[in-house]
PDB file of N, CA and C in Angstrom:
ATOM      1  N   MET A   1       7.650  -0.822   6.941  1.00  0.00           N
ATOM      2  CA  MET A   1       8.528  -1.087   5.815  1.00  0.00           C
ATOM      3  C   MET A   1       7.727  -1.714   4.688  1.00  0.00           C
ATOM      4  N   ARG A   2       7.917  -1.209   3.512  1.00  0.00           N
ATOM      5  CA  ARG A   2       7.187  -1.699   2.343  1.00  0.00           C
ATOM      6  C   ARG A   2       7.830  -2.995   1.852  1.00  0.00           C
ATOM      7  N   THR A   3       6.986  -3.981   1.551  1.00  0.00           N
ATOM      8  CA  THR A   3       7.510  -5.268   1.094  1.00  0.00           C
ATOM      9  C   THR A   3       7.659  -5.326  -0.412  1.00  0.00           C
ATOM     10  N   THR A   4       6.901  -4.509  -1.133  1.00  0.00           N
ATOM     11  CA  THR A   4       7.011  -4.503  -2.590  1.00  0.00           C
ATOM     12  C   THR A   4       7.344  -3.098  -3.064  1.00  0.00           C
ATOM     13  N   GLU A   5       8.161  -3.037  -4.058  1.00  0.00           N
ATOM     14  CA  GLU A   5       8.527  -1.751  -4.645  1.00  0.00           C
ATOM     15  C   GLU A   5       7.611  -1.462  -5.826  1.00  0.00           C
ATOM     16  N   LEU A   6       7.234  -0.218  -5.972  1.00  0.00           N
ATOM     17  CA  LEU A   6       6.398   0.175  -7.097  1.00  0.00           C
ATOM     18  C   LEU A   6       7.248   0.277  -8.355  1.00  0.00           C
ATOM     19  N   THR A   7       6.723  -0.245  -9.427  1.00  0.00           N
ATOM     20  CA  THR A   7       7.418  -0.145 -10.706  1.00  0.00           C
ATOM     21  C   THR A   7       7.043   1.172 -11.378  1.00  0.00           C
ATOM     22  N   LEU A   8       7.776   1.508 -12.412  1.00  0.00           N
ATOM     23  CA  LEU A   8       7.452   2.713 -13.177  1.00  0.00           C
ATOM     24  C   LEU A   8       6.045   2.605 -13.755  1.00  0.00           C
ATOM     25  N   LYS A   9       5.688   1.417 -14.220  1.00  0.00           N
ATOM     26  CA  LYS A   9       4.346   1.215 -14.785  1.00  0.00           C
ATOM     27  C   LYS A   9       3.268   1.450 -13.724  1.00  0.00           C
ATOM     28  N   ASP A  10       3.507   0.988 -12.499  1.00  0.00           N
ATOM     29  CA  ASP A  10       2.550   1.218 -11.409  1.00  0.00           C
ATOM     30  C   ASP A  10       2.379   2.711 -11.139  1.00  0.00           C
ATOM     31  N   ARG A  11       3.470   3.421 -11.122  1.00  0.00           N
ATOM     32  CA  ARG A  11       3.408   4.867 -10.874  1.00  0.00           C
ATOM     33  C   ARG A  11       2.692   5.594 -12.004  1.00  0.00           C
ATOM     34  N   MET A  12       3.005   5.206 -13.237  1.00  0.00           N
ATOM     35  CA  MET A  12       2.341   5.828 -14.387  1.00  0.00           C
ATOM     36  C   MET A  12       0.855   5.506 -14.388  1.00  0.00           C
ATOM     37  N   ARG A  13       0.494   4.277 -14.041  1.00  0.00           N
ATOM     38  CA  ARG A  13      -0.913   3.883 -13.977  1.00  0.00           C
ATOM     39  C   ARG A  13      -1.656   4.762 -12.976  1.00  0.00           C
ATOM     40  N   HIS A  14      -0.996   5.097 -11.881  1.00  0.00           N
ATOM     41  CA  HIS A  14      -1.618   5.946 -10.871  1.00  0.00           C
ATOM     42  C   HIS A  14      -1.761   7.389 -11.373  1.00  0.00           C
ATOM     43  N   VAL A  15      -0.703   7.936 -11.923  1.00  0.00           N
ATOM     44  CA  VAL A  15      -0.712   9.334 -12.368  1.00  0.00           C
ATOM     45  C   VAL A  15      -1.694   9.559 -13.512  1.00  0.00           C
ATOM     46  N   PHE A  16      -1.752   8.606 -14.449  1.00  0.00           N
ATOM     47  CA  PHE A  16      -2.613   8.760 -15.620  1.00  0.00           C
ATOM     48  C   PHE A  16      -3.996   8.142 -15.424  1.00  0.00           C
ATOM     49  N   ASN A  17      -4.337   7.843 -14.184  1.00  0.00           N
ATOM     50  CA  ASN A  17      -5.640   7.282 -13.858  1.00  0.00           C
ATOM     51  C   ASN A  17      -6.745   8.232 -14.339  1.00  0.00           C
ATOM     52  N   PRO A  18      -7.796   7.672 -14.949  1.00  0.00           N
ATOM     53  CA  PRO A  18      -8.888   8.520 -15.447  1.00  0.00           C
ATOM     54  C   PRO A  18      -9.514   9.421 -14.375  1.00  0.00           C
ATOM     55  N   LEU A  19      -9.502   8.991 -13.131  1.00  0.00           N
ATOM     56  CA  LEU A  19     -10.044   9.843 -12.074  1.00  0.00           C
ATOM     57  C   LEU A  19      -9.180  11.093 -11.896  1.00  0.00           C
ATOM     58  N   HIS A  20      -7.876  10.939 -11.971  1.00  0.00           N
ATOM     59  CA  HIS A  20      -6.982  12.095 -11.896  1.00  0.00           C
ATOM     60  C   HIS A  20      -7.209  13.018 -13.091  1.00  0.00           C
ATOM     61  N   VAL A  21      -7.396  12.423 -14.257  1.00  0.00           N
ATOM     62  CA  VAL A  21      -7.663  13.214 -15.461  1.00  0.00           C
ATOM     63  C   VAL A  21      -8.955  14.005 -15.273  1.00  0.00           C
ATOM     64  N   TYR A  22      -9.993  13.342 -14.787  1.00  0.00           N
ATOM     65  CA  TYR A  22     -11.270  14.027 -14.546  1.00  0.00           C
ATOM     66  C   TYR A  22     -11.091  15.192 -13.566  1.00  0.00           C
ATOM     67  N   CYS A  23     -10.396  14.947 -12.470  1.00  0.00           N
ATOM     68  CA  CYS A  23     -10.218  16.005 -11.468  1.00  0.00           C
ATOM     69  C   CYS A  23      -9.492  17.214 -12.051  1.00  0.00           C
ATOM     70  N   SER A  24      -8.487  16.952 -12.864  1.00  0.00           N
ATOM     71  CA  SER A  24      -7.764  18.057 -13.502  1.00  0.00           C
ATOM     72  C   SER A  24      -8.659  18.806 -14.482  1.00  0.00           C
ATOM     73  N   LEU A  25      -9.419  18.058 -15.265  1.00  0.00           N
ATOM     74  CA  LEU A  25     -10.305  18.685 -16.247  1.00  0.00           C
ATOM     75  C   LEU A  25     -11.438  19.465 -15.583  1.00  0.00           C
ATOM     76  N   SER A  26     -11.882  19.000 -14.427  1.00  0.00           N
ATOM     77  CA  SER A  26     -13.019  19.654 -13.771  1.00  0.00           C
ATOM     78  C   SER A  26     -12.685  21.075 -13.312  1.00  0.00           C
ATOM     79  N   TRP A  27     -11.408  21.401 -13.239  1.00  0.00           N
ATOM     80  CA  TRP A  27     -11.017  22.767 -12.885  1.00  0.00           C
ATOM     81  C   TRP A  27     -11.232  23.738 -14.038  1.00  0.00           C
ATOM     82  N   VAL A  28     -11.232  23.209 -15.280  1.00  0.00           N
ATOM     83  CA  VAL A  28     -11.314  24.107 -16.438  1.00  0.00           C
ATOM     84  C   VAL A  28     -12.533  23.857 -17.327  1.00  0.00           C
ATOM     85  N   LEU A  29     -13.206  22.733 -17.132  1.00  0.00           N
ATOM     86  CA  LEU A  29     -14.373  22.401 -17.954  1.00  0.00           C
ATOM     87  C   LEU A  29     -15.601  22.220 -17.076  1.00  0.00           C
ATOM     88  N   ARG A  30     -16.758  22.288 -17.702  1.00  0.00           N
ATOM     89  CA  ARG A  30     -17.984  21.959 -16.980  1.00  0.00           C
ATOM     90  C   ARG A  30     -17.937  20.499 -16.560  1.00  0.00           C
ATOM     91  N   LYS A  31     -18.667  20.179 -15.493  1.00  0.00           N
ATOM     92  CA  LYS A  31     -18.631  18.828 -14.933  1.00  0.00           C
ATOM     93  C   LYS A  31     -18.960  17.772 -15.988  1.00  0.00           C
ATOM     94  N   ARG A  32     -20.040  17.955 -16.706  1.00  0.00           N
ATOM     95  CA  ARG A  32     -20.463  16.963 -17.708  1.00  0.00           C
ATOM     96  C   ARG A  32     -19.401  16.778 -18.791  1.00  0.00           C
ATOM     97  N   THR A  33     -18.825  17.865 -19.261  1.00  0.00           N
ATOM     98  CA  THR A  33     -17.787  17.791 -20.291  1.00  0.00           C
ATOM     99  C   THR A  33     -16.546  17.080 -19.751  1.00  0.00           C
ATOM    100  N   ALA A  34     -16.183  17.362 -18.512  1.00  0.00           N
ATOM    101  CA  ALA A  34     -15.026  16.701 -17.895  1.00  0.00           C
ATOM    102  C   ALA A  34     -15.265  15.201 -17.760  1.00  0.00           C
ATOM    103  N   ILE A  35     -16.472  14.812 -17.362  1.00  0.00           N
ATOM    104  CA  ILE A  35     -16.806  13.390 -17.230  1.00  0.00           C
ATOM    105  C   ILE A  35     -16.730  12.698 -18.582  1.00  0.00           C
ATOM    106  N   LEU A  36     -17.348  13.286 -19.584  1.00  0.00           N
ATOM    107  CA  LEU A  36     -17.341  12.674 -20.916  1.00  0.00           C
ATOM    108  C   LEU A  36     -15.926  12.577 -21.486  1.00  0.00           C
ATOM    109  N   THR A  37     -15.131  13.601 -21.280  1.00  0.00           N
ATOM    110  CA  THR A  37     -13.753  13.590 -21.772  1.00  0.00           C
ATOM    111  C   THR A  37     -12.925  12.532 -21.050  1.00  0.00           C
ATOM    112  N   ALA A  38     -13.091  12.418 -19.742  1.00  0.00           N
ATOM    113  CA  ALA A  38     -12.355  11.406 -18.976  1.00  0.00           C
ATOM    114  C   ALA A  38     -12.771   9.997 -19.392  1.00  0.00           C
ATOM    115  N   ARG A  39     -14.055   9.795 -19.654  1.00  0.00           N
ATOM    116  CA  ARG A  39     -14.519   8.479 -20.128  1.00  0.00           C
ATOM    117  C   ARG A  39     -13.922   8.149 -21.489  1.00  0.00           C
ATOM    118  N   LEU A  40     -13.922   9.120 -22.383  1.00  0.00           N
ATOM    119  CA  LEU A  40     -13.334   8.916 -23.702  1.00  0.00           C
ATOM    120  C   LEU A  40     -11.844   8.594 -23.581  1.00  0.00           C
ATOM    121  N   TYR A  41     -11.149   9.339 -22.736  1.00  0.00           N
ATOM    122  CA  TYR A  41      -9.729   9.088 -22.484  1.00  0.00           C
ATOM    123  C   TYR A  41      -9.515   7.667 -21.955  1.00  0.00           C
ATOM    124  N   GLU A  42     -10.358   7.261 -20.993  1.00  0.00           N
ATOM    125  CA  GLU A  42     -10.219   5.927 -20.399  1.00  0.00           C
ATOM    126  C   GLU A  42     -10.392   4.830 -21.442  1.00  0.00           C
ATOM    127  N   LYS A  43     -11.397   4.974 -22.292  1.00  0.00           N
ATOM    128  CA  LYS A  43     -11.694   3.926 -23.275  1.00  0.00           C
ATOM    129  C   LYS A  43     -10.732   3.931 -24.451  1.00  0.00           C
ATOM    130  N   SER A  44     -10.273   5.097 -24.861  1.00  0.00           N
ATOM    131  CA  SER A  44      -9.460   5.154 -26.080  1.00  0.00           C
ATOM    132  C   SER A  44      -7.955   5.145 -25.823  1.00  0.00           C
ATOM    133  N   ILE A  45      -7.515   5.644 -24.686  1.00  0.00           N
ATOM    134  CA  ILE A  45      -6.072   5.750 -24.448  1.00  0.00           C
ATOM    135  C   ILE A  45      -5.624   4.904 -23.256  1.00  0.00           C
ATOM    136  N   TYR A  46      -6.186   5.173 -22.084  1.00  0.00           N
ATOM    137  CA  TYR A  46      -5.734   4.516 -20.852  1.00  0.00           C
ATOM    138  C   TYR A  46      -5.827   2.996 -20.940  1.00  0.00           C
ATOM    139  N   SER A  47      -6.929   2.485 -21.448  1.00  0.00           N
ATOM    140  CA  SER A  47      -7.110   1.029 -21.508  1.00  0.00           C
ATOM    141  C   SER A  47      -6.091   0.370 -22.432  1.00  0.00           C
ATOM    142  N   HIS A  48      -5.626   1.088 -23.445  1.00  0.00           N
ATOM    143  CA  HIS A  48      -4.620   0.531 -24.357  1.00  0.00           C
ATOM    144  C   HIS A  48      -3.209   0.652 -23.781  1.00  0.00           C
ATOM    145  N   LEU A  49      -2.948   1.732 -23.080  1.00  0.00           N
ATOM    146  CA  LEU A  49      -1.624   1.913 -22.489  1.00  0.00           C
ATOM    147  C   LEU A  49      -1.335   0.886 -21.405  1.00  0.00           C
ATOM    148  N   PHE A  50      -2.352   0.571 -20.622  1.00  0.00           N
ATOM    149  CA  PHE A  50      -2.137  -0.290 -19.468  1.00  0.00           C
ATOM    150  C   PHE A  50      -2.904  -1.599 -19.563  1.00  0.00           C
ATOM    151  N   ALA A  51      -3.128  -2.058 -20.768  1.00  0.00           N
ATOM    152  CA  ALA A  51      -3.807  -3.342 -20.965  1.00  0.00           C
ATOM    153  C   ALA A  51      -2.920  -4.463 -20.437  1.00  0.00           C
ATOM    154  N   GLU A  52      -3.546  -5.392 -19.771  1.00  0.00           N
ATOM    155  CA  GLU A  52      -2.800  -6.551 -19.270  1.00  0.00           C
ATOM    156  C   GLU A  52      -2.415  -7.440 -20.434  1.00  0.00           C
ATOM    157  N   GLU A  53      -1.220  -7.920 -20.408  1.00  0.00           N
ATOM    158  CA  GLU A  53      -0.711  -8.731 -21.522  1.00  0.00           C
ATOM    159  C   GLU A  53      -1.028 -10.184 -21.369  1.00  0.00           C
TER     160      GLU A  53
END
């Protein structure tokens, strides 16, 4: 039995995780391009969406 319930923010943090983004991109882009794009996404979008307050 789970003692804590996941919040919507927790679920979104998991789904939009840069590693998930990289894995999705790696299906359609070259490895290096997928890595660079995921890093850019992490620094410019993900870190702002889920910044600790």
